[in-house]
Every structure is written in structure tokens, then in C-alpha cells.
C-alpha atoms as a PDB file:
ATOM      1  CA  MET A   1       5.057 -27.368  58.945  1.00  0.00           C
ATOM      2  CA  PHE A   2       8.801 -28.052  58.813  1.00  0.00           C
ATOM      3  CA  THR A   3       8.246 -31.005  61.146  1.00  0.00           C
ATOM      4  CA  SER A   4       5.785 -32.639  58.769  1.00  0.00           C
ATOM      5  CA  ILE A   5       8.001 -32.095  55.728  1.00  0.00           C
ATOM      6  CA  GLY A   6      11.070 -33.279  57.646  1.00  0.00           C
ATOM      7  CA  LEU A   7       9.362 -36.447  58.825  1.00  0.00           C
ATOM      8  CA  VAL A   8       8.025 -37.175  55.334  1.00  0.00           C
ATOM      9  CA  LEU A   9      11.545 -36.839  53.886  1.00  0.00           C
ATOM     10  CA  ILE A  10      12.997 -39.069  56.574  1.00  0.00           C
ATOM     11  CA  SER A  11      10.291 -41.673  55.928  1.00  0.00           C
ATOM     12  CA  LEU A  12      10.894 -41.516  52.171  1.00  0.00           C
ATOM     13  CA  GLY A  13      14.592 -41.974  52.816  1.00  0.00           C
ATOM     14  CA  TRP A  14      13.947 -45.063  54.921  1.00  0.00           C
ATOM     15  CA  PHE A  15      11.669 -46.574  52.260  1.00  0.00           C
ATOM     16  CA  TYR A  16      14.271 -45.837  49.586  1.00  0.00           C
ATOM     17  CA  GLN A  17      16.928 -47.530  51.690  1.00  0.00           C
ATOM     18  CA  LEU A  18      14.671 -50.528  52.279  1.00  0.00           C
ATOM     19  CA  PHE A  19      14.207 -50.867  48.521  1.00  0.00           C
ATOM     20  CA  LYS A  20      17.975 -50.649  47.984  1.00  0.00           C
ATOM     21  CA  LEU A  21      18.680 -53.247  50.691  1.00  0.00           C
ATOM     22  CA  LYS A  22      16.681 -55.801  48.726  1.00  0.00           C
ATOM     23  CA  ARG A  23      19.333 -55.478  46.010  1.00  0.00           C
ATOM     24  CA  GLY A  24      22.354 -55.377  48.299  1.00  0.00           C
ATOM     25  CA  LYS A  25      23.486 -54.554  51.797  1.00  0.00           C
ATOM     26  CA  ALA A  26      25.161 -51.168  51.275  1.00  0.00           C
ATOM     27  CA  ILE A  27      23.830 -47.915  52.698  1.00  0.00           C
ATOM     28  CA  SER A  28      22.820 -45.641  49.852  1.00  0.00           C
ATOM     29  CA  PRO A  29      24.238 -42.089  49.789  1.00  0.00           C
ATOM     30  CA  VAL A  30      20.866 -40.919  48.404  1.00  0.00           C
ATOM     31  CA  PHE A  31      19.165 -42.263  51.540  1.00  0.00           C
ATOM     32  CA  VAL A  32      21.578 -40.429  53.795  1.00  0.00           C
ATOM     33  CA  ILE A  33      21.128 -37.153  51.881  1.00  0.00           C
ATOM     34  CA  ILE A  34      17.326 -37.402  52.120  1.00  0.00           C
ATOM     35  CA  TYR A  35      17.656 -38.172  55.831  1.00  0.00           C
ATOM     36  CA  ILE A  36      19.986 -35.197  56.357  1.00  0.00           C
ATOM     37  CA  ILE A  37      17.574 -32.802  54.629  1.00  0.00           C
ATOM     38  CA  GLY A  38      14.700 -34.112  56.759  1.00  0.00           C
ATOM     39  CA  VAL A  39      16.666 -33.675  59.971  1.00  0.00           C
ATOM     40  CA  ILE A  40      17.711 -30.139  59.000  1.00  0.00           C
ATOM     41  CA  LEU A  41      14.015 -29.279  58.631  1.00  0.00           C
ATOM     42  CA  LEU A  42      13.315 -30.806  62.052  1.00  0.00           C
ATOM     43  CA  ILE A  43      16.109 -28.708  63.567  1.00  0.00           C
ATOM     44  CA  ALA A  44      14.715 -25.556  61.931  1.00  0.00           C
ATOM     45  CA  ASP A  45      11.244 -26.361  63.256  1.00  0.00           C
ATOM     46  CA  GLY A  46      12.604 -26.971  66.752  1.00  0.00           C
ATOM     47  CA  ILE A  47      14.404 -23.631  66.749  1.00  0.00           C
ATOM     48  CA  GLN A  48      11.380 -21.834  65.296  1.00  0.00           C
ATOM     49  CA  SER A  49       9.150 -23.392  67.974  1.00  0.00           C
ATOM     50  CA  ASN A  50      11.668 -22.544  70.712  1.00  0.00           C
ATOM     51  CA  LEU A  51      12.231 -26.241  71.426  1.00  0.00           C
ATOM     52  CA  ILE A  52      15.981 -25.899  71.745  1.00  0.00           C
ATOM     53  CA  GLU A  53      16.514 -29.268  73.466  1.00  0.00           C
ATOM     54  CA  LEU A  54      14.683 -31.081  70.668  1.00  0.00           C
ATOM     55  CA  ALA A  55      16.646 -29.132  68.056  1.00  0.00           C
ATOM     56  CA  GLY A  56      19.862 -30.100  69.836  1.00  0.00           C
ATOM     57  CA  LEU A  57      18.960 -33.778  69.844  1.00  0.00           C
ATOM     58  CA  ASN A  58      18.143 -33.600  66.150  1.00  0.00           C
ATOM     59  CA  ALA A  59      21.515 -31.912  65.621  1.00  0.00           C
ATOM     60  CA  LEU A  60      23.176 -34.986  67.167  1.00  0.00           C
ATOM     61  CA  SER A  61      21.284 -37.141  64.687  1.00  0.00           C
ATOM     62  CA  LEU A  62      22.445 -34.820  61.895  1.00  0.00           C
ATOM     63  CA  ALA A  63      26.071 -35.169  63.022  1.00  0.00           C
ATOM     64  CA  ALA A  64      25.779 -38.976  62.937  1.00  0.00           C
ATOM     65  CA  ALA A  65      24.191 -38.903  59.484  1.00  0.00           C
ATOM     66  CA  LEU A  66      26.922 -36.613  58.179  1.00  0.00           C
ATOM     67  CA  ALA A  67      29.560 -38.963  59.584  1.00  0.00           C
ATOM     68  CA  VAL A  68      27.908 -41.923  57.832  1.00  0.00           C
ATOM     69  CA  PHE A  69      27.679 -39.967  54.580  1.00  0.00           C
ATOM     70  CA  LEU A  70      31.361 -39.016  54.711  1.00  0.00           C
ATOM     71  CA  THR A  71      32.305 -42.619  55.526  1.00  0.00           C
ATOM     72  CA  ILE A  72      30.352 -44.208  52.682  1.00  0.00           C
ATOM     73  CA  THR A  73      31.421 -41.648  50.084  1.00  0.00           C
ATOM     74  CA  LYS A  74      35.086 -41.588  51.121  1.00  0.00           C
ATOM     75  CA  GLY A  75      37.335 -42.775  48.349  1.00  0.00           C
ATOM     76  CA  LYS A  76      34.685 -42.696  45.616  1.00  0.00           C
END
């Protein structure tokens, strides 16, 4: 269940970002937050399903998203 919710949130985040790109070229912090929440749910599902390698790979994606979020919100 967490996988489905996580993937839906990630997809919504991508569509939101696509909409925002039509107005400019900046990465939206809202997109990154939605993406982060989706990935956290994927990590939880991986752990719950005992798919530790998959959870670890999603954790790498989470780390990258957090780095992007910190970069784009730095100095605001």
C-alpha cells in the first residue's frame, strides 16, 4: 500500500513540476517536498516488505532530493 501511495505522490510531484516549468525554469520546493514524502513511503514499504536493498536505493534517492531541497531553499 505504501508503494502505491508513494508512487502516486512522486507522480503528482512530477506533474506539479512540469506545470511550474511552463512558467519558468526553477525547481519548485513544493515538488521536492512531495517527492521526498513519496520516497519516504517507498522506503517504509521496502523495509516492511523486507526488501532492504530496494529501501537502501530509495534512501539514496531521498538523500539526493534532500540535497536539492536544501540547495534551492538556501538563502531564502
